[in-house]
């Protein structure tokens, strides 16, 4: 279950970084004005989200098996470094240090080279801004749905973990009762064995006493018989 959640976060991170790279390398250098500014804001937000996903991957890393955790650790550190590098690149582009010269000039000066062209660029920028806002809203809704799904999945995992823990505690309690009962039975059996040993020793002593008495009576009887025969024969 934890491995599936880790893979989900990693896939989401990879898709987000791919989108940011494509925007930084292919879209932003060709844009200017408000459209460029709006796209930079979207890029910054997605980079923040990508870094949060990398941190969430670090949290989920603790629940992975040992070998898989060892392999994934360096990869997560690389993800964080990648986000930091992309943030610096986006900052350079925002300050007019990235892309081609013409795009930077339009971003800084608003492309004031002609009235009609400026108006058309402004209308295009507003249209692009509205489209970008719709895209951000859709992307935000998708991320919200994905976040809700992750929360539900985490809640489900917590409930399953609690159920397993309760079952383990119940098993431990039952095993403890069995151990206590076994110990009591052994103590009772030991007590019976002690009594039996005392009884056997008493019976052995009585048997020896009875044997000695019997032997004594036999000796006395034989002595009397010999004495009587002696008296009758010699007198």
Protein backbone atom coordinates (compact mmCIF):
# COMPACT_ATOMS: atom_id res chain seq x y z
CA UNK A 1 0.00 0.00 0.00
CA UNK A 2 2.77 2.51 0.93
CA UNK A 3 4.70 1.53 -2.22
CA UNK A 4 1.64 2.31 -4.38
CA UNK A 5 1.28 5.73 -2.74
CA UNK A 6 4.99 6.43 -3.27
CA UNK A 7 4.71 5.50 -6.97
CA UNK A 8 1.66 7.75 -7.32
CA UNK A 9 3.51 10.74 -5.84
CA UNK A 10 6.54 10.05 -8.02
CA UNK A 11 4.45 9.84 -11.21
CA UNK A 12 2.72 13.10 -10.33
CA UNK A 13 6.09 14.75 -9.69
CA UNK A 14 7.51 13.52 -13.02
CA UNK A 15 4.50 14.82 -14.97
CA UNK A 16 4.69 18.19 -13.21
CA UNK A 17 8.42 18.63 -13.86
CA UNK A 18 7.95 17.65 -17.51
CA UNK A 19 5.28 20.35 -17.87
CA UNK A 20 7.51 22.96 -16.20
CA UNK A 21 10.50 22.09 -18.40
CA UNK A 22 8.41 22.31 -21.55
CA UNK A 23 7.09 25.70 -20.48
CA UNK A 24 10.52 27.07 -19.61
CA UNK A 25 12.24 25.79 -22.75
CA UNK A 26 9.58 26.14 -25.43
CA UNK A 27 6.79 28.53 -24.38
CA UNK A 28 8.22 31.31 -22.22
CA UNK A 29 11.04 32.37 -24.60
CA UNK A 30 8.40 33.09 -27.28
CA UNK A 31 6.02 35.12 -25.10
CA UNK A 32 5.99 38.66 -23.76
CA UNK A 33 3.91 41.05 -21.71
CA UNK A 34 1.08 39.90 -19.45
CA UNK A 35 0.92 36.44 -20.99
CA UNK A 36 4.57 35.86 -20.13
CA UNK A 37 4.06 37.17 -16.60
CA UNK A 38 1.02 34.92 -16.00
CA UNK A 39 2.84 31.89 -17.32
CA UNK A 40 5.79 32.60 -15.01
CA UNK A 41 3.42 32.75 -12.03
CA UNK A 42 1.94 29.40 -13.03
CA UNK A 43 5.44 27.96 -13.35
CA UNK A 44 6.40 29.23 -9.89
CA UNK A 45 3.31 27.66 -8.32
CA UNK A 46 3.95 24.33 -10.02
CA UNK A 47 7.56 24.34 -8.87
CA UNK A 48 6.41 24.93 -5.29
CA UNK A 49 3.99 22.04 -5.67
CA UNK A 50 6.78 19.86 -7.15
CA UNK A 51 8.99 20.60 -4.13
CA UNK A 52 6.12 19.70 -1.78
CA UNK A 53 5.70 16.42 -3.67
CA UNK A 54 9.43 15.74 -3.22
CA UNK A 55 9.06 16.34 0.53
CA UNK A 56 6.01 14.04 0.60
CA UNK A 57 8.11 11.40 -1.15
CA UNK A 58 10.66 11.76 1.67
CA UNK A 59 7.90 11.04 4.20
CA UNK A 60 6.65 8.00 2.28
CA UNK A 61 10.26 6.81 1.90
CA UNK A 62 10.29 5.80 5.58
CA UNK A 63 7.53 3.24 5.03
CA UNK A 64 9.23 1.47 2.09
CA UNK A 65 11.12 -1.84 2.46
CA UNK A 66 14.85 -1.59 3.08
CA UNK A 67 16.24 -2.28 -0.45
CA UNK A 68 13.64 -0.10 -2.14
CA UNK A 69 14.26 2.70 0.38
CA UNK A 70 18.00 2.54 -0.33
CA UNK A 71 17.44 2.90 -4.08
CA UNK A 72 14.85 5.69 -3.80
CA UNK A 73 16.76 7.92 -1.34
CA UNK A 74 19.31 9.36 -3.82
CA UNK A 75 16.56 9.81 -6.41
CA UNK A 76 14.53 12.02 -4.06
CA UNK A 77 17.59 14.17 -3.28
CA UNK A 78 18.05 14.57 -7.04
CA UNK A 79 14.40 15.64 -7.36
CA UNK A 80 14.91 18.42 -4.81
CA UNK A 81 18.06 19.63 -6.53
CA UNK A 82 16.21 19.56 -9.86
CA UNK A 83 13.39 21.74 -8.47
CA UNK A 84 15.89 24.25 -7.07
CA UNK A 85 17.66 24.45 -10.44
CA UNK A 86 14.38 25.01 -12.30
CA UNK A 87 13.37 27.70 -9.79
CA UNK A 88 16.63 29.54 -10.46
CA UNK A 89 16.07 29.24 -14.21
CA UNK A 90 12.54 30.59 -13.87
CA UNK A 91 13.87 33.48 -11.79
CA UNK A 92 16.44 34.33 -14.47
CA UNK A 93 13.73 34.30 -17.13
CA UNK A 94 11.50 36.46 -14.92
CA UNK A 95 14.30 39.02 -14.57
CA UNK A 96 14.86 39.07 -18.34
CA UNK A 97 17.98 36.89 -18.27
CA UNK A 98 16.60 33.89 -20.19
CA UNK A 99 15.19 33.27 -23.67
CA UNK A 100 15.95 35.25 -26.79
CA UNK A 101 16.63 38.97 -26.87
CA UNK A 102 13.39 39.94 -28.61
CA UNK A 103 11.20 38.14 -26.08
CA UNK A 104 13.05 39.79 -23.19
CA UNK A 105 12.71 43.20 -24.77
CA UNK A 106 8.95 42.71 -25.14
CA UNK A 107 8.68 41.50 -21.52
CA UNK A 108 10.52 44.56 -20.12
CA UNK A 109 9.26 47.35 -22.42
CA UNK A 110 5.81 45.99 -23.27
CA UNK A 111 6.75 46.00 -26.98
CA UNK A 112 5.97 49.71 -27.55
CA UNK A 113 7.23 49.71 -31.15
CA UNK A 114 3.80 50.31 -32.75
CA UNK A 115 0.27 51.25 -31.75
CA UNK A 116 -1.77 48.64 -33.61
CA UNK A 117 0.71 45.86 -32.94
CA UNK A 118 0.71 46.81 -29.25
CA UNK A 119 -3.08 46.66 -29.10
CA UNK A 120 -3.18 43.30 -30.86
CA UNK A 121 -0.45 41.94 -28.53
CA UNK A 122 -2.42 43.24 -25.54
CA UNK A 123 -5.63 41.57 -26.73
CA UNK A 124 -3.70 38.36 -27.41
CA UNK A 125 -2.12 38.57 -23.97
CA UNK A 126 -5.50 39.00 -22.28
CA UNK A 127 -6.91 36.10 -24.25
CA UNK A 128 -3.89 33.98 -23.41
CA UNK A 129 -4.23 35.05 -19.76
CA UNK A 130 -7.87 33.95 -19.65
CA UNK A 131 -6.95 30.64 -21.25
CA UNK A 132 -4.10 30.22 -18.80
CA UNK A 133 -6.45 31.00 -15.90
CA UNK A 134 -8.85 28.34 -17.13
CA UNK A 135 -5.95 25.93 -17.44
CA UNK A 136 -4.82 26.75 -13.90
CA UNK A 137 -8.35 26.29 -12.58
CA UNK A 138 -8.63 22.90 -14.26
CA UNK A 139 -5.16 21.94 -13.05
CA UNK A 140 -6.04 23.14 -9.55
CA UNK A 141 -9.24 21.11 -9.57
CA UNK A 142 -7.35 18.02 -10.70
CA UNK A 143 -4.72 18.52 -7.98
CA UNK A 144 -7.45 19.08 -5.41
CA UNK A 145 -9.17 15.86 -6.49
CA UNK A 146 -5.84 14.03 -6.38
CA UNK A 147 -5.13 15.48 -2.93
CA UNK A 148 -8.56 14.43 -1.70
CA UNK A 149 -7.98 10.95 -3.06
CA UNK A 150 -4.60 10.78 -1.29
CA UNK A 151 -6.22 11.91 1.97
CA UNK A 152 -8.92 9.28 1.63
CA UNK A 153 -6.28 6.67 0.86
CA UNK A 154 -4.23 7.76 3.90
CA UNK A 155 -7.37 7.63 6.05
CA UNK A 156 -8.10 4.14 4.75
CA UNK A 157 -4.54 3.06 5.54
CA UNK A 158 -4.85 4.52 9.06
CA UNK A 159 -8.11 2.62 9.66
CA UNK A 160 -6.57 -0.62 8.35
CA UNK A 161 -3.50 -0.08 10.54
CA UNK A 162 -5.69 0.57 13.57
CA UNK A 163 -7.70 -2.59 12.86
CA UNK A 164 -4.53 -4.67 12.49
CA UNK A 165 -3.13 -3.18 15.71
CA UNK A 166 -6.32 -3.99 17.60
CA UNK A 167 -6.26 -7.55 16.25
CA UNK A 168 -2.62 -7.95 17.32
CA UNK A 169 -3.40 -6.63 20.80
CA UNK A 170 -6.31 -9.06 21.06
CA UNK A 171 -4.06 -11.96 20.03
CA UNK A 172 -1.42 -10.90 22.54
CA UNK A 173 -4.03 -10.69 25.30
CA UNK A 174 -5.31 -14.17 24.42
CA UNK A 175 -1.76 -15.57 24.36
CA UNK A 176 -1.04 -13.97 27.73
CA UNK A 177 -4.13 -15.61 29.23
CA UNK A 178 -3.04 -18.96 27.79
CA UNK A 179 0.44 -18.55 29.28
CA UNK A 180 -1.02 -17.65 32.69
CA UNK A 181 -3.35 -20.65 32.59
CA UNK A 182 -0.48 -22.93 31.56
CA UNK A 183 1.66 -21.62 34.39
CA UNK A 184 -1.14 -22.19 36.92
CA UNK A 185 -1.65 -25.71 35.59
CA UNK A 186 2.07 -26.45 35.90
CA UNK A 187 2.14 -25.09 39.45
CA UNK A 188 -0.86 -27.25 40.39
CA UNK A 189 0.73 -30.32 38.77
CA UNK A 190 3.95 -29.62 40.68
CA UNK A 191 1.99 -29.44 43.92
CA UNK A 192 0.34 -32.81 43.16
CA UNK A 193 3.74 -34.34 42.39
CA UNK A 194 5.11 -33.12 45.74
CA UNK A 195 2.18 -34.66 47.60
CA UNK A 196 2.57 -37.90 45.68
CA UNK A 197 6.28 -38.03 46.54
CA UNK A 198 5.54 -37.49 50.24
CA UNK A 199 2.89 -40.22 50.14
CA UNK A 200 5.31 -42.63 48.45
CA UNK A 201 8.01 -41.92 51.04
CA UNK A 202 5.51 -42.53 53.86
CA UNK A 203 4.37 -45.82 52.30
CA UNK A 204 7.99 -46.87 51.82
CA UNK A 205 8.80 -46.23 55.49
CA UNK A 206 5.72 -48.16 56.61
CA UNK A 207 6.60 -51.04 54.30
CA UNK A 208 10.11 -51.25 55.75
CA UNK A 209 8.71 -51.10 59.29
CA UNK A 210 6.20 -53.86 58.56
CA UNK A 211 8.95 -55.95 56.98
CA UNK A 212 11.16 -55.56 60.02
CA UNK A 213 8.28 -56.49 62.36
CA UNK A 214 7.45 -59.54 60.24
CA UNK A 215 11.08 -60.62 60.22
CA UNK A 216 11.27 -60.20 63.99
CA UNK A 217 8.12 -62.25 64.55
CA UNK A 218 9.45 -64.99 62.28
CA UNK A 219 12.72 -65.09 64.21
CA UNK A 220 10.94 -65.17 67.58
CA UNK A 221 8.57 -67.90 66.39
CA UNK A 222 11.44 -70.00 65.07
CA UNK A 223 13.35 -69.54 68.32
CA UNK A 224 10.34 -70.69 70.35
CA UNK A 225 9.88 -73.77 68.15
CA UNK A 226 13.54 -74.69 68.54
CA UNK A 227 13.35 -74.12 72.27
CA UNK A 228 10.27 -76.33 72.62
CA UNK A 229 11.85 -79.12 70.57
CA UNK A 230 15.00 -78.93 72.65
CA UNK A 231 13.10 -79.20 75.88
CA UNK A 232 11.07 -82.19 74.68
CA UNK A 233 14.03 -84.09 73.27
CA UNK A 234 16.56 -83.61 76.02
CA UNK A 235 14.28 -83.77 79.00
